PDBML (XML) file of the C-alpha atoms, coordinates in Angstrom:
<?xml version="1.0" encoding="UTF-8" ?>
<PDBx:datablock datablockName="MODEL"
   xmlns:PDBx="http://pdbml.pdb.org/schema/pdbx-v50.xsd"
   xmlns:xsi="http://www.w3.org/2001/XMLSchema-instance"
   xsi:schemaLocation="http://pdbml.pdb.org/schema/pdbx-v50.xsd pdbx-v50.xsd">
   <PDBx:atom_siteCategory>
      <PDBx:atom_site id="1">
         <PDBx:B_iso_or_equiv>0.00</PDBx:B_iso_or_equiv>
         <PDBx:Cartn_x>141.861</PDBx:Cartn_x>
         <PDBx:Cartn_y>61.527</PDBx:Cartn_y>
         <PDBx:Cartn_z>-89.218</PDBx:Cartn_z>
         <PDBx:auth_asym_id>A</PDBx:auth_asym_id>
         <PDBx:auth_atom_id>CA</PDBx:auth_atom_id>
         <PDBx:auth_comp_id>VAL</PDBx:auth_comp_id>
         <PDBx:auth_seq_id>1</PDBx:auth_seq_id>
         <PDBx:group_PDB>ATOM</PDBx:group_PDB>
         <PDBx:label_alt_id xsi:nil="true" />
         <PDBx:label_asym_id>A</PDBx:label_asym_id>
         <PDBx:label_atom_id>CA</PDBx:label_atom_id>
         <PDBx:label_comp_id>VAL</PDBx:label_comp_id>
         <PDBx:label_entity_id>1</PDBx:label_entity_id>
         <PDBx:label_seq_id>1</PDBx:label_seq_id>
         <PDBx:occupancy>1.00</PDBx:occupancy>
         <PDBx:pdbx_PDB_model_num>1</PDBx:pdbx_PDB_model_num>
         <PDBx:type_symbol>C</PDBx:type_symbol>
      </PDBx:atom_site>
      <PDBx:atom_site id="2">
         <PDBx:B_iso_or_equiv>0.00</PDBx:B_iso_or_equiv>
         <PDBx:Cartn_x>140.455</PDBx:Cartn_x>
         <PDBx:Cartn_y>59.582</PDBx:Cartn_y>
         <PDBx:Cartn_z>-86.274</PDBx:Cartn_z>
         <PDBx:auth_asym_id>A</PDBx:auth_asym_id>
         <PDBx:auth_atom_id>CA</PDBx:auth_atom_id>
         <PDBx:auth_comp_id>PRO</PDBx:auth_comp_id>
         <PDBx:auth_seq_id>2</PDBx:auth_seq_id>
         <PDBx:group_PDB>ATOM</PDBx:group_PDB>
         <PDBx:label_alt_id xsi:nil="true" />
         <PDBx:label_asym_id>A</PDBx:label_asym_id>
         <PDBx:label_atom_id>CA</PDBx:label_atom_id>
         <PDBx:label_comp_id>PRO</PDBx:label_comp_id>
         <PDBx:label_entity_id>1</PDBx:label_entity_id>
         <PDBx:label_seq_id>2</PDBx:label_seq_id>
         <PDBx:occupancy>1.00</PDBx:occupancy>
         <PDBx:pdbx_PDB_model_num>1</PDBx:pdbx_PDB_model_num>
         <PDBx:type_symbol>C</PDBx:type_symbol>
      </PDBx:atom_site>
      <PDBx:atom_site id="3">
         <PDBx:B_iso_or_equiv>0.00</PDBx:B_iso_or_equiv>
         <PDBx:Cartn_x>140.060</PDBx:Cartn_x>
         <PDBx:Cartn_y>55.819</PDBx:Cartn_y>
         <PDBx:Cartn_z>-86.381</PDBx:Cartn_z>
         <PDBx:auth_asym_id>A</PDBx:auth_asym_id>
         <PDBx:auth_atom_id>CA</PDBx:auth_atom_id>
         <PDBx:auth_comp_id>ALA</PDBx:auth_comp_id>
         <PDBx:auth_seq_id>3</PDBx:auth_seq_id>
         <PDBx:group_PDB>ATOM</PDBx:group_PDB>
         <PDBx:label_alt_id xsi:nil="true" />
         <PDBx:label_asym_id>A</PDBx:label_asym_id>
         <PDBx:label_atom_id>CA</PDBx:label_atom_id>
         <PDBx:label_comp_id>ALA</PDBx:label_comp_id>
         <PDBx:label_entity_id>1</PDBx:label_entity_id>
         <PDBx:label_seq_id>3</PDBx:label_seq_id>
         <PDBx:occupancy>1.00</PDBx:occupancy>
         <PDBx:pdbx_PDB_model_num>1</PDBx:pdbx_PDB_model_num>
         <PDBx:type_symbol>C</PDBx:type_symbol>
      </PDBx:atom_site>
      <PDBx:atom_site id="4">
         <PDBx:B_iso_or_equiv>0.00</PDBx:B_iso_or_equiv>
         <PDBx:Cartn_x>136.826</PDBx:Cartn_x>
         <PDBx:Cartn_y>54.275</PDBx:Cartn_y>
         <PDBx:Cartn_z>-87.558</PDBx:Cartn_z>
         <PDBx:auth_asym_id>A</PDBx:auth_asym_id>
         <PDBx:auth_atom_id>CA</PDBx:auth_atom_id>
         <PDBx:auth_comp_id>GLY</PDBx:auth_comp_id>
         <PDBx:auth_seq_id>4</PDBx:auth_seq_id>
         <PDBx:group_PDB>ATOM</PDBx:group_PDB>
         <PDBx:label_alt_id xsi:nil="true" />
         <PDBx:label_asym_id>A</PDBx:label_asym_id>
         <PDBx:label_atom_id>CA</PDBx:label_atom_id>
         <PDBx:label_comp_id>GLY</PDBx:label_comp_id>
         <PDBx:label_entity_id>1</PDBx:label_entity_id>
         <PDBx:label_seq_id>4</PDBx:label_seq_id>
         <PDBx:occupancy>1.00</PDBx:occupancy>
         <PDBx:pdbx_PDB_model_num>1</PDBx:pdbx_PDB_model_num>
         <PDBx:type_symbol>C</PDBx:type_symbol>
      </PDBx:atom_site>
      <PDBx:atom_site id="5">
         <PDBx:B_iso_or_equiv>0.00</PDBx:B_iso_or_equiv>
         <PDBx:Cartn_x>135.682</PDBx:Cartn_x>
         <PDBx:Cartn_y>56.952</PDBx:Cartn_y>
         <PDBx:Cartn_z>-90.028</PDBx:Cartn_z>
         <PDBx:auth_asym_id>A</PDBx:auth_asym_id>
         <PDBx:auth_atom_id>CA</PDBx:auth_atom_id>
         <PDBx:auth_comp_id>VAL</PDBx:auth_comp_id>
         <PDBx:auth_seq_id>5</PDBx:auth_seq_id>
         <PDBx:group_PDB>ATOM</PDBx:group_PDB>
         <PDBx:label_alt_id xsi:nil="true" />
         <PDBx:label_asym_id>A</PDBx:label_asym_id>
         <PDBx:label_atom_id>CA</PDBx:label_atom_id>
         <PDBx:label_comp_id>VAL</PDBx:label_comp_id>
         <PDBx:label_entity_id>1</PDBx:label_entity_id>
         <PDBx:label_seq_id>5</PDBx:label_seq_id>
         <PDBx:occupancy>1.00</PDBx:occupancy>
         <PDBx:pdbx_PDB_model_num>1</PDBx:pdbx_PDB_model_num>
         <PDBx:type_symbol>C</PDBx:type_symbol>
      </PDBx:atom_site>
      <PDBx:atom_site id="6">
         <PDBx:B_iso_or_equiv>0.00</PDBx:B_iso_or_equiv>
         <PDBx:Cartn_x>135.425</PDBx:Cartn_x>
         <PDBx:Cartn_y>56.714</PDBx:Cartn_y>
         <PDBx:Cartn_z>-93.798</PDBx:Cartn_z>
         <PDBx:auth_asym_id>A</PDBx:auth_asym_id>
         <PDBx:auth_atom_id>CA</PDBx:auth_atom_id>
         <PDBx:auth_comp_id>SER</PDBx:auth_comp_id>
         <PDBx:auth_seq_id>6</PDBx:auth_seq_id>
         <PDBx:group_PDB>ATOM</PDBx:group_PDB>
         <PDBx:label_alt_id xsi:nil="true" />
         <PDBx:label_asym_id>A</PDBx:label_asym_id>
         <PDBx:label_atom_id>CA</PDBx:label_atom_id>
         <PDBx:label_comp_id>SER</PDBx:label_comp_id>
         <PDBx:label_entity_id>1</PDBx:label_entity_id>
         <PDBx:label_seq_id>6</PDBx:label_seq_id>
         <PDBx:occupancy>1.00</PDBx:occupancy>
         <PDBx:pdbx_PDB_model_num>1</PDBx:pdbx_PDB_model_num>
         <PDBx:type_symbol>C</PDBx:type_symbol>
      </PDBx:atom_site>
      <PDBx:atom_site id="7">
         <PDBx:B_iso_or_equiv>0.00</PDBx:B_iso_or_equiv>
         <PDBx:Cartn_x>135.267</PDBx:Cartn_x>
         <PDBx:Cartn_y>60.410</PDBx:Cartn_y>
         <PDBx:Cartn_z>-94.673</PDBx:Cartn_z>
         <PDBx:auth_asym_id>A</PDBx:auth_asym_id>
         <PDBx:auth_atom_id>CA</PDBx:auth_atom_id>
         <PDBx:auth_comp_id>ALA</PDBx:auth_comp_id>
         <PDBx:auth_seq_id>7</PDBx:auth_seq_id>
         <PDBx:group_PDB>ATOM</PDBx:group_PDB>
         <PDBx:label_alt_id xsi:nil="true" />
         <PDBx:label_asym_id>A</PDBx:label_asym_id>
         <PDBx:label_atom_id>CA</PDBx:label_atom_id>
         <PDBx:label_comp_id>ALA</PDBx:label_comp_id>
         <PDBx:label_entity_id>1</PDBx:label_entity_id>
         <PDBx:label_seq_id>7</PDBx:label_seq_id>
         <PDBx:occupancy>1.00</PDBx:occupancy>
         <PDBx:pdbx_PDB_model_num>1</PDBx:pdbx_PDB_model_num>
         <PDBx:type_symbol>C</PDBx:type_symbol>
      </PDBx:atom_site>
      <PDBx:atom_site id="8">
         <PDBx:B_iso_or_equiv>0.00</PDBx:B_iso_or_equiv>
         <PDBx:Cartn_x>135.898</PDBx:Cartn_x>
         <PDBx:Cartn_y>63.911</PDBx:Cartn_y>
         <PDBx:Cartn_z>-93.411</PDBx:Cartn_z>
         <PDBx:auth_asym_id>A</PDBx:auth_asym_id>
         <PDBx:auth_atom_id>CA</PDBx:auth_atom_id>
         <PDBx:auth_comp_id>VAL</PDBx:auth_comp_id>
         <PDBx:auth_seq_id>8</PDBx:auth_seq_id>
         <PDBx:group_PDB>ATOM</PDBx:group_PDB>
         <PDBx:label_alt_id xsi:nil="true" />
         <PDBx:label_asym_id>A</PDBx:label_asym_id>
         <PDBx:label_atom_id>CA</PDBx:label_atom_id>
         <PDBx:label_comp_id>VAL</PDBx:label_comp_id>
         <PDBx:label_entity_id>1</PDBx:label_entity_id>
         <PDBx:label_seq_id>8</PDBx:label_seq_id>
         <PDBx:occupancy>1.00</PDBx:occupancy>
         <PDBx:pdbx_PDB_model_num>1</PDBx:pdbx_PDB_model_num>
         <PDBx:type_symbol>C</PDBx:type_symbol>
      </PDBx:atom_site>
      <PDBx:atom_site id="9">
         <PDBx:B_iso_or_equiv>0.00</PDBx:B_iso_or_equiv>
         <PDBx:Cartn_x>133.337</PDBx:Cartn_x>
         <PDBx:Cartn_y>66.666</PDBx:Cartn_y>
         <PDBx:Cartn_z>-93.931</PDBx:Cartn_z>
         <PDBx:auth_asym_id>A</PDBx:auth_asym_id>
         <PDBx:auth_atom_id>CA</PDBx:auth_atom_id>
         <PDBx:auth_comp_id>ASP</PDBx:auth_comp_id>
         <PDBx:auth_seq_id>9</PDBx:auth_seq_id>
         <PDBx:group_PDB>ATOM</PDBx:group_PDB>
         <PDBx:label_alt_id xsi:nil="true" />
         <PDBx:label_asym_id>A</PDBx:label_asym_id>
         <PDBx:label_atom_id>CA</PDBx:label_atom_id>
         <PDBx:label_comp_id>ASP</PDBx:label_comp_id>
         <PDBx:label_entity_id>1</PDBx:label_entity_id>
         <PDBx:label_seq_id>9</PDBx:label_seq_id>
         <PDBx:occupancy>1.00</PDBx:occupancy>
         <PDBx:pdbx_PDB_model_num>1</PDBx:pdbx_PDB_model_num>
         <PDBx:type_symbol>C</PDBx:type_symbol>
      </PDBx:atom_site>
      <PDBx:atom_site id="10">
         <PDBx:B_iso_or_equiv>0.00</PDBx:B_iso_or_equiv>
         <PDBx:Cartn_x>134.289</PDBx:Cartn_x>
         <PDBx:Cartn_y>70.264</PDBx:Cartn_y>
         <PDBx:Cartn_z>-94.611</PDBx:Cartn_z>
         <PDBx:auth_asym_id>A</PDBx:auth_asym_id>
         <PDBx:auth_atom_id>CA</PDBx:auth_atom_id>
         <PDBx:auth_comp_id>LEU</PDBx:auth_comp_id>
         <PDBx:auth_seq_id>10</PDBx:auth_seq_id>
         <PDBx:group_PDB>ATOM</PDBx:group_PDB>
         <PDBx:label_alt_id xsi:nil="true" />
         <PDBx:label_asym_id>A</PDBx:label_asym_id>
         <PDBx:label_atom_id>CA</PDBx:label_atom_id>
         <PDBx:label_comp_id>LEU</PDBx:label_comp_id>
         <PDBx:label_entity_id>1</PDBx:label_entity_id>
         <PDBx:label_seq_id>10</PDBx:label_seq_id>
         <PDBx:occupancy>1.00</PDBx:occupancy>
         <PDBx:pdbx_PDB_model_num>1</PDBx:pdbx_PDB_model_num>
         <PDBx:type_symbol>C</PDBx:type_symbol>
      </PDBx:atom_site>
      <PDBx:atom_site id="11">
         <PDBx:B_iso_or_equiv>0.00</PDBx:B_iso_or_equiv>
         <PDBx:Cartn_x>132.294</PDBx:Cartn_x>
         <PDBx:Cartn_y>73.469</PDBx:Cartn_y>
         <PDBx:Cartn_z>-94.395</PDBx:Cartn_z>
         <PDBx:auth_asym_id>A</PDBx:auth_asym_id>
         <PDBx:auth_atom_id>CA</PDBx:auth_atom_id>
         <PDBx:auth_comp_id>GLU</PDBx:auth_comp_id>
         <PDBx:auth_seq_id>11</PDBx:auth_seq_id>
         <PDBx:group_PDB>ATOM</PDBx:group_PDB>
         <PDBx:label_alt_id xsi:nil="true" />
         <PDBx:label_asym_id>A</PDBx:label_asym_id>
         <PDBx:label_atom_id>CA</PDBx:label_atom_id>
         <PDBx:label_comp_id>GLU</PDBx:label_comp_id>
         <PDBx:label_entity_id>1</PDBx:label_entity_id>
         <PDBx:label_seq_id>11</PDBx:label_seq_id>
         <PDBx:occupancy>1.00</PDBx:occupancy>
         <PDBx:pdbx_PDB_model_num>1</PDBx:pdbx_PDB_model_num>
         <PDBx:type_symbol>C</PDBx:type_symbol>
      </PDBx:atom_site>
      <PDBx:atom_site id="12">
         <PDBx:B_iso_or_equiv>0.00</PDBx:B_iso_or_equiv>
         <PDBx:Cartn_x>133.555</PDBx:Cartn_x>
         <PDBx:Cartn_y>76.924</PDBx:Cartn_y>
         <PDBx:Cartn_z>-95.338</PDBx:Cartn_z>
         <PDBx:auth_asym_id>A</PDBx:auth_asym_id>
         <PDBx:auth_atom_id>CA</PDBx:auth_atom_id>
         <PDBx:auth_comp_id>PHE</PDBx:auth_comp_id>
         <PDBx:auth_seq_id>12</PDBx:auth_seq_id>
         <PDBx:group_PDB>ATOM</PDBx:group_PDB>
         <PDBx:label_alt_id xsi:nil="true" />
         <PDBx:label_asym_id>A</PDBx:label_asym_id>
         <PDBx:label_atom_id>CA</PDBx:label_atom_id>
         <PDBx:label_comp_id>PHE</PDBx:label_comp_id>
         <PDBx:label_entity_id>1</PDBx:label_entity_id>
         <PDBx:label_seq_id>12</PDBx:label_seq_id>
         <PDBx:occupancy>1.00</PDBx:occupancy>
         <PDBx:pdbx_PDB_model_num>1</PDBx:pdbx_PDB_model_num>
         <PDBx:type_symbol>C</PDBx:type_symbol>
      </PDBx:atom_site>
      <PDBx:atom_site id="13">
         <PDBx:B_iso_or_equiv>0.00</PDBx:B_iso_or_equiv>
         <PDBx:Cartn_x>132.592</PDBx:Cartn_x>
         <PDBx:Cartn_y>80.105</PDBx:Cartn_y>
         <PDBx:Cartn_z>-97.115</PDBx:Cartn_z>
         <PDBx:auth_asym_id>A</PDBx:auth_asym_id>
         <PDBx:auth_atom_id>CA</PDBx:auth_atom_id>
         <PDBx:auth_comp_id>GLN</PDBx:auth_comp_id>
         <PDBx:auth_seq_id>13</PDBx:auth_seq_id>
         <PDBx:group_PDB>ATOM</PDBx:group_PDB>
         <PDBx:label_alt_id xsi:nil="true" />
         <PDBx:label_asym_id>A</PDBx:label_asym_id>
         <PDBx:label_atom_id>CA</PDBx:label_atom_id>
         <PDBx:label_comp_id>GLN</PDBx:label_comp_id>
         <PDBx:label_entity_id>1</PDBx:label_entity_id>
         <PDBx:label_seq_id>13</PDBx:label_seq_id>
         <PDBx:occupancy>1.00</PDBx:occupancy>
         <PDBx:pdbx_PDB_model_num>1</PDBx:pdbx_PDB_model_num>
         <PDBx:type_symbol>C</PDBx:type_symbol>
      </PDBx:atom_site>
      <PDBx:atom_site id="14">
         <PDBx:B_iso_or_equiv>0.00</PDBx:B_iso_or_equiv>
         <PDBx:Cartn_x>134.154</PDBx:Cartn_x>
         <PDBx:Cartn_y>81.811</PDBx:Cartn_y>
         <PDBx:Cartn_z>-100.075</PDBx:Cartn_z>
         <PDBx:auth_asym_id>A</PDBx:auth_asym_id>
         <PDBx:auth_atom_id>CA</PDBx:auth_atom_id>
         <PDBx:auth_comp_id>TYR</PDBx:auth_comp_id>
         <PDBx:auth_seq_id>14</PDBx:auth_seq_id>
         <PDBx:group_PDB>ATOM</PDBx:group_PDB>
         <PDBx:label_alt_id xsi:nil="true" />
         <PDBx:label_asym_id>A</PDBx:label_asym_id>
         <PDBx:label_atom_id>CA</PDBx:label_atom_id>
         <PDBx:label_comp_id>TYR</PDBx:label_comp_id>
         <PDBx:label_entity_id>1</PDBx:label_entity_id>
         <PDBx:label_seq_id>14</PDBx:label_seq_id>
         <PDBx:occupancy>1.00</PDBx:occupancy>
         <PDBx:pdbx_PDB_model_num>1</PDBx:pdbx_PDB_model_num>
         <PDBx:type_symbol>C</PDBx:type_symbol>
      </PDBx:atom_site>
      <PDBx:atom_site id="15">
         <PDBx:B_iso_or_equiv>0.00</PDBx:B_iso_or_equiv>
         <PDBx:Cartn_x>133.754</PDBx:Cartn_x>
         <PDBx:Cartn_y>85.528</PDBx:Cartn_y>
         <PDBx:Cartn_z>-99.404</PDBx:Cartn_z>
         <PDBx:auth_asym_id>A</PDBx:auth_asym_id>
         <PDBx:auth_atom_id>CA</PDBx:auth_atom_id>
         <PDBx:auth_comp_id>LEU</PDBx:auth_comp_id>
         <PDBx:auth_seq_id>15</PDBx:auth_seq_id>
         <PDBx:group_PDB>ATOM</PDBx:group_PDB>
         <PDBx:label_alt_id xsi:nil="true" />
         <PDBx:label_asym_id>A</PDBx:label_asym_id>
         <PDBx:label_atom_id>CA</PDBx:label_atom_id>
         <PDBx:label_comp_id>LEU</PDBx:label_comp_id>
         <PDBx:label_entity_id>1</PDBx:label_entity_id>
         <PDBx:label_seq_id>15</PDBx:label_seq_id>
         <PDBx:occupancy>1.00</PDBx:occupancy>
         <PDBx:pdbx_PDB_model_num>1</PDBx:pdbx_PDB_model_num>
         <PDBx:type_symbol>C</PDBx:type_symbol>
      </PDBx:atom_site>
      <PDBx:atom_site id="16">
         <PDBx:B_iso_or_equiv>0.00</PDBx:B_iso_or_equiv>
         <PDBx:Cartn_x>133.795</PDBx:Cartn_x>
         <PDBx:Cartn_y>86.854</PDBx:Cartn_y>
         <PDBx:Cartn_z>-102.933</PDBx:Cartn_z>
         <PDBx:auth_asym_id>A</PDBx:auth_asym_id>
         <PDBx:auth_atom_id>CA</PDBx:auth_atom_id>
         <PDBx:auth_comp_id>SER</PDBx:auth_comp_id>
         <PDBx:auth_seq_id>16</PDBx:auth_seq_id>
         <PDBx:group_PDB>ATOM</PDBx:group_PDB>
         <PDBx:label_alt_id xsi:nil="true" />
         <PDBx:label_asym_id>A</PDBx:label_asym_id>
         <PDBx:label_atom_id>CA</PDBx:label_atom_id>
         <PDBx:label_comp_id>SER</PDBx:label_comp_id>
         <PDBx:label_entity_id>1</PDBx:label_entity_id>
         <PDBx:label_seq_id>16</PDBx:label_seq_id>
         <PDBx:occupancy>1.00</PDBx:occupancy>
         <PDBx:pdbx_PDB_model_num>1</PDBx:pdbx_PDB_model_num>
         <PDBx:type_symbol>C</PDBx:type_symbol>
      </PDBx:atom_site>
      <PDBx:atom_site id="17">
         <PDBx:B_iso_or_equiv>0.00</PDBx:B_iso_or_equiv>
         <PDBx:Cartn_x>134.684</PDBx:Cartn_x>
         <PDBx:Cartn_y>90.533</PDBx:Cartn_y>
         <PDBx:Cartn_z>-103.403</PDBx:Cartn_z>
         <PDBx:auth_asym_id>A</PDBx:auth_asym_id>
         <PDBx:auth_atom_id>CA</PDBx:auth_atom_id>
         <PDBx:auth_comp_id>PRO</PDBx:auth_comp_id>
         <PDBx:auth_seq_id>17</PDBx:auth_seq_id>
         <PDBx:group_PDB>ATOM</PDBx:group_PDB>
         <PDBx:label_alt_id xsi:nil="true" />
         <PDBx:label_asym_id>A</PDBx:label_asym_id>
         <PDBx:label_atom_id>CA</PDBx:label_atom_id>
         <PDBx:label_comp_id>PRO</PDBx:label_comp_id>
         <PDBx:label_entity_id>1</PDBx:label_entity_id>
         <PDBx:label_seq_id>17</PDBx:label_seq_id>
         <PDBx:occupancy>1.00</PDBx:occupancy>
         <PDBx:pdbx_PDB_model_num>1</PDBx:pdbx_PDB_model_num>
         <PDBx:type_symbol>C</PDBx:type_symbol>
      </PDBx:atom_site>
      <PDBx:atom_site id="18">
         <PDBx:B_iso_or_equiv>0.00</PDBx:B_iso_or_equiv>
         <PDBx:Cartn_x>131.942</PDBx:Cartn_x>
         <PDBx:Cartn_y>93.049</PDBx:Cartn_y>
         <PDBx:Cartn_z>-102.705</PDBx:Cartn_z>
         <PDBx:auth_asym_id>A</PDBx:auth_asym_id>
         <PDBx:auth_atom_id>CA</PDBx:auth_atom_id>
         <PDBx:auth_comp_id>THR</PDBx:auth_comp_id>
         <PDBx:auth_seq_id>18</PDBx:auth_seq_id>
         <PDBx:group_PDB>ATOM</PDBx:group_PDB>
         <PDBx:label_alt_id xsi:nil="true" />
         <PDBx:label_asym_id>A</PDBx:label_asym_id>
         <PDBx:label_atom_id>CA</PDBx:label_atom_id>
         <PDBx:label_comp_id>THR</PDBx:label_comp_id>
         <PDBx:label_entity_id>1</PDBx:label_entity_id>
         <PDBx:label_seq_id>18</PDBx:label_seq_id>
         <PDBx:occupancy>1.00</PDBx:occupancy>
         <PDBx:pdbx_PDB_model_num>1</PDBx:pdbx_PDB_model_num>
         <PDBx:type_symbol>C</PDBx:type_symbol>
      </PDBx:atom_site>
      <PDBx:atom_site id="19">
         <PDBx:B_iso_or_equiv>0.00</PDBx:B_iso_or_equiv>
         <PDBx:Cartn_x>134.024</PDBx:Cartn_x>
         <PDBx:Cartn_y>95.927</PDBx:Cartn_y>
         <PDBx:Cartn_z>-104.039</PDBx:Cartn_z>
         <PDBx:auth_asym_id>A</PDBx:auth_asym_id>
         <PDBx:auth_atom_id>CA</PDBx:auth_atom_id>
         <PDBx:auth_comp_id>ASP</PDBx:auth_comp_id>
         <PDBx:auth_seq_id>19</PDBx:auth_seq_id>
         <PDBx:group_PDB>ATOM</PDBx:group_PDB>
         <PDBx:label_alt_id xsi:nil="true" />
         <PDBx:label_asym_id>A</PDBx:label_asym_id>
         <PDBx:label_atom_id>CA</PDBx:label_atom_id>
         <PDBx:label_comp_id>ASP</PDBx:label_comp_id>
         <PDBx:label_entity_id>1</PDBx:label_entity_id>
         <PDBx:label_seq_id>19</PDBx:label_seq_id>
         <PDBx:occupancy>1.00</PDBx:occupancy>
         <PDBx:pdbx_PDB_model_num>1</PDBx:pdbx_PDB_model_num>
         <PDBx:type_symbol>C</PDBx:type_symbol>
      </PDBx:atom_site>
      <PDBx:atom_site id="20">
         <PDBx:B_iso_or_equiv>0.00</PDBx:B_iso_or_equiv>
         <PDBx:Cartn_x>136.359</PDBx:Cartn_x>
         <PDBx:Cartn_y>96.089</PDBx:Cartn_y>
         <PDBx:Cartn_z>-107.041</PDBx:Cartn_z>
         <PDBx:auth_asym_id>A</PDBx:auth_asym_id>
         <PDBx:auth_atom_id>CA</PDBx:auth_atom_id>
         <PDBx:auth_comp_id>ALA</PDBx:auth_comp_id>
         <PDBx:auth_seq_id>20</PDBx:auth_seq_id>
         <PDBx:group_PDB>ATOM</PDBx:group_PDB>
         <PDBx:label_alt_id xsi:nil="true" />
         <PDBx:label_asym_id>A</PDBx:label_asym_id>
         <PDBx:label_atom_id>CA</PDBx:label_atom_id>
         <PDBx:label_comp_id>ALA</PDBx:label_comp_id>
         <PDBx:label_entity_id>1</PDBx:label_entity_id>
         <PDBx:label_seq_id>20</PDBx:label_seq_id>
         <PDBx:occupancy>1.00</PDBx:occupancy>
         <PDBx:pdbx_PDB_model_num>1</PDBx:pdbx_PDB_model_num>
         <PDBx:type_symbol>C</PDBx:type_symbol>
      </PDBx:atom_site>
      <PDBx:atom_site id="21">
         <PDBx:B_iso_or_equiv>0.00</PDBx:B_iso_or_equiv>
         <PDBx:Cartn_x>139.198</PDBx:Cartn_x>
         <PDBx:Cartn_y>97.184</PDBx:Cartn_y>
         <PDBx:Cartn_z>-104.747</PDBx:Cartn_z>
         <PDBx:auth_asym_id>A</PDBx:auth_asym_id>
         <PDBx:auth_atom_id>CA</PDBx:auth_atom_id>
         <PDBx:auth_comp_id>ASP</PDBx:auth_comp_id>
         <PDBx:auth_seq_id>21</PDBx:auth_seq_id>
         <PDBx:group_PDB>ATOM</PDBx:group_PDB>
         <PDBx:label_alt_id xsi:nil="true" />
         <PDBx:label_asym_id>A</PDBx:label_asym_id>
         <PDBx:label_atom_id>CA</PDBx:label_atom_id>
         <PDBx:label_comp_id>ASP</PDBx:label_comp_id>
         <PDBx:label_entity_id>1</PDBx:label_entity_id>
         <PDBx:label_seq_id>21</PDBx:label_seq_id>
         <PDBx:occupancy>1.00</PDBx:occupancy>
         <PDBx:pdbx_PDB_model_num>1</PDBx:pdbx_PDB_model_num>
         <PDBx:type_symbol>C</PDBx:type_symbol>
      </PDBx:atom_site>
      <PDBx:atom_site id="22">
         <PDBx:B_iso_or_equiv>0.00</PDBx:B_iso_or_equiv>
         <PDBx:Cartn_x>139.010</PDBx:Cartn_x>
         <PDBx:Cartn_y>93.721</PDBx:Cartn_y>
         <PDBx:Cartn_z>-103.123</PDBx:Cartn_z>
         <PDBx:auth_asym_id>A</PDBx:auth_asym_id>
         <PDBx:auth_atom_id>CA</PDBx:auth_atom_id>
         <PDBx:auth_comp_id>GLN</PDBx:auth_comp_id>
         <PDBx:auth_seq_id>22</PDBx:auth_seq_id>
         <PDBx:group_PDB>ATOM</PDBx:group_PDB>
         <PDBx:label_alt_id xsi:nil="true" />
         <PDBx:label_asym_id>A</PDBx:label_asym_id>
         <PDBx:label_atom_id>CA</PDBx:label_atom_id>
         <PDBx:label_comp_id>GLN</PDBx:label_comp_id>
         <PDBx:label_entity_id>1</PDBx:label_entity_id>
         <PDBx:label_seq_id>22</PDBx:label_seq_id>
         <PDBx:occupancy>1.00</PDBx:occupancy>
         <PDBx:pdbx_PDB_model_num>1</PDBx:pdbx_PDB_model_num>
         <PDBx:type_symbol>C</PDBx:type_symbol>
      </PDBx:atom_site>
      <PDBx:atom_site id="23">
         <PDBx:B_iso_or_equiv>0.00</PDBx:B_iso_or_equiv>
         <PDBx:Cartn_x>139.378</PDBx:Cartn_x>
         <PDBx:Cartn_y>91.916</PDBx:Cartn_y>
         <PDBx:Cartn_z>-106.436</PDBx:Cartn_z>
         <PDBx:auth_asym_id>A</PDBx:auth_asym_id>
         <PDBx:auth_atom_id>CA</PDBx:auth_atom_id>
         <PDBx:auth_comp_id>GLY</PDBx:auth_comp_id>
         <PDBx:auth_seq_id>23</PDBx:auth_seq_id>
         <PDBx:group_PDB>ATOM</PDBx:group_PDB>
         <PDBx:label_alt_id xsi:nil="true" />
         <PDBx:label_asym_id>A</PDBx:label_asym_id>
         <PDBx:label_atom_id>CA</PDBx:label_atom_id>
         <PDBx:label_comp_id>GLY</PDBx:label_comp_id>
         <PDBx:label_entity_id>1</PDBx:label_entity_id>
         <PDBx:label_seq_id>23</PDBx:label_seq_id>
         <PDBx:occupancy>1.00</PDBx:occupancy>
         <PDBx:pdbx_PDB_model_num>1</PDBx:pdbx_PDB_model_num>
         <PDBx:type_symbol>C</PDBx:type_symbol>
      </PDBx:atom_site>
      <PDBx:atom_site id="24">
         <PDBx:B_iso_or_equiv>0.00</PDBx:B_iso_or_equiv>
         <PDBx:Cartn_x>137.274</PDBx:Cartn_x>
         <PDBx:Cartn_y>90.986</PDBx:Cartn_y>
         <PDBx:Cartn_z>-109.419</PDBx:Cartn_z>
         <PDBx:auth_asym_id>A</PDBx:auth_asym_id>
         <PDBx:auth_atom_id>CA</PDBx:auth_atom_id>
         <PDBx:auth_comp_id>ARG</PDBx:auth_comp_id>
         <PDBx:auth_seq_id>24</PDBx:auth_seq_id>
         <PDBx:group_PDB>ATOM</PDBx:group_PDB>
         <PDBx:label_alt_id xsi:nil="true" />
         <PDBx:label_asym_id>A</PDBx:label_asym_id>
         <PDBx:label_atom_id>CA</PDBx:label_atom_id>
         <PDBx:label_comp_id>ARG</PDBx:label_comp_id>
         <PDBx:label_entity_id>1</PDBx:label_entity_id>
         <PDBx:label_seq_id>24</PDBx:label_seq_id>
         <PDBx:occupancy>1.00</PDBx:occupancy>
         <PDBx:pdbx_PDB_model_num>1</PDBx:pdbx_PDB_model_num>
         <PDBx:type_symbol>C</PDBx:type_symbol>
      </PDBx:atom_site>
      <PDBx:atom_site id="25">
         <PDBx:B_iso_or_equiv>0.00</PDBx:B_iso_or_equiv>
         <PDBx:Cartn_x>133.505</PDBx:Cartn_x>
         <PDBx:Cartn_y>91.033</PDBx:Cartn_y>
         <PDBx:Cartn_z>-108.773</PDBx:Cartn_z>
         <PDBx:auth_asym_id>A</PDBx:auth_asym_id>
         <PDBx:auth_atom_id>CA</PDBx:auth_atom_id>
         <PDBx:auth_comp_id>ILE</PDBx:auth_comp_id>
         <PDBx:auth_seq_id>25</PDBx:auth_seq_id>
         <PDBx:group_PDB>ATOM</PDBx:group_PDB>
         <PDBx:label_alt_id xsi:nil="true" />
         <PDBx:label_asym_id>A</PDBx:label_asym_id>
         <PDBx:label_atom_id>CA</PDBx:label_atom_id>
         <PDBx:label_comp_id>ILE</PDBx:label_comp_id>
         <PDBx:label_entity_id>1</PDBx:label_entity_id>
         <PDBx:label_seq_id>25</PDBx:label_seq_id>
         <PDBx:occupancy>1.00</PDBx:occupancy>
         <PDBx:pdbx_PDB_model_num>1</PDBx:pdbx_PDB_model_num>
         <PDBx:type_symbol>C</PDBx:type_symbol>
      </PDBx:atom_site>
   </PDBx:atom_siteCategory>
</PDBx:datablock>
């Protein structure tokens, strides 16, 4: 964390399964 900041901001995606072979839909 750099000096002088009060928060960090995150962005990401959760790529949920599109096929049952990849996990629960």
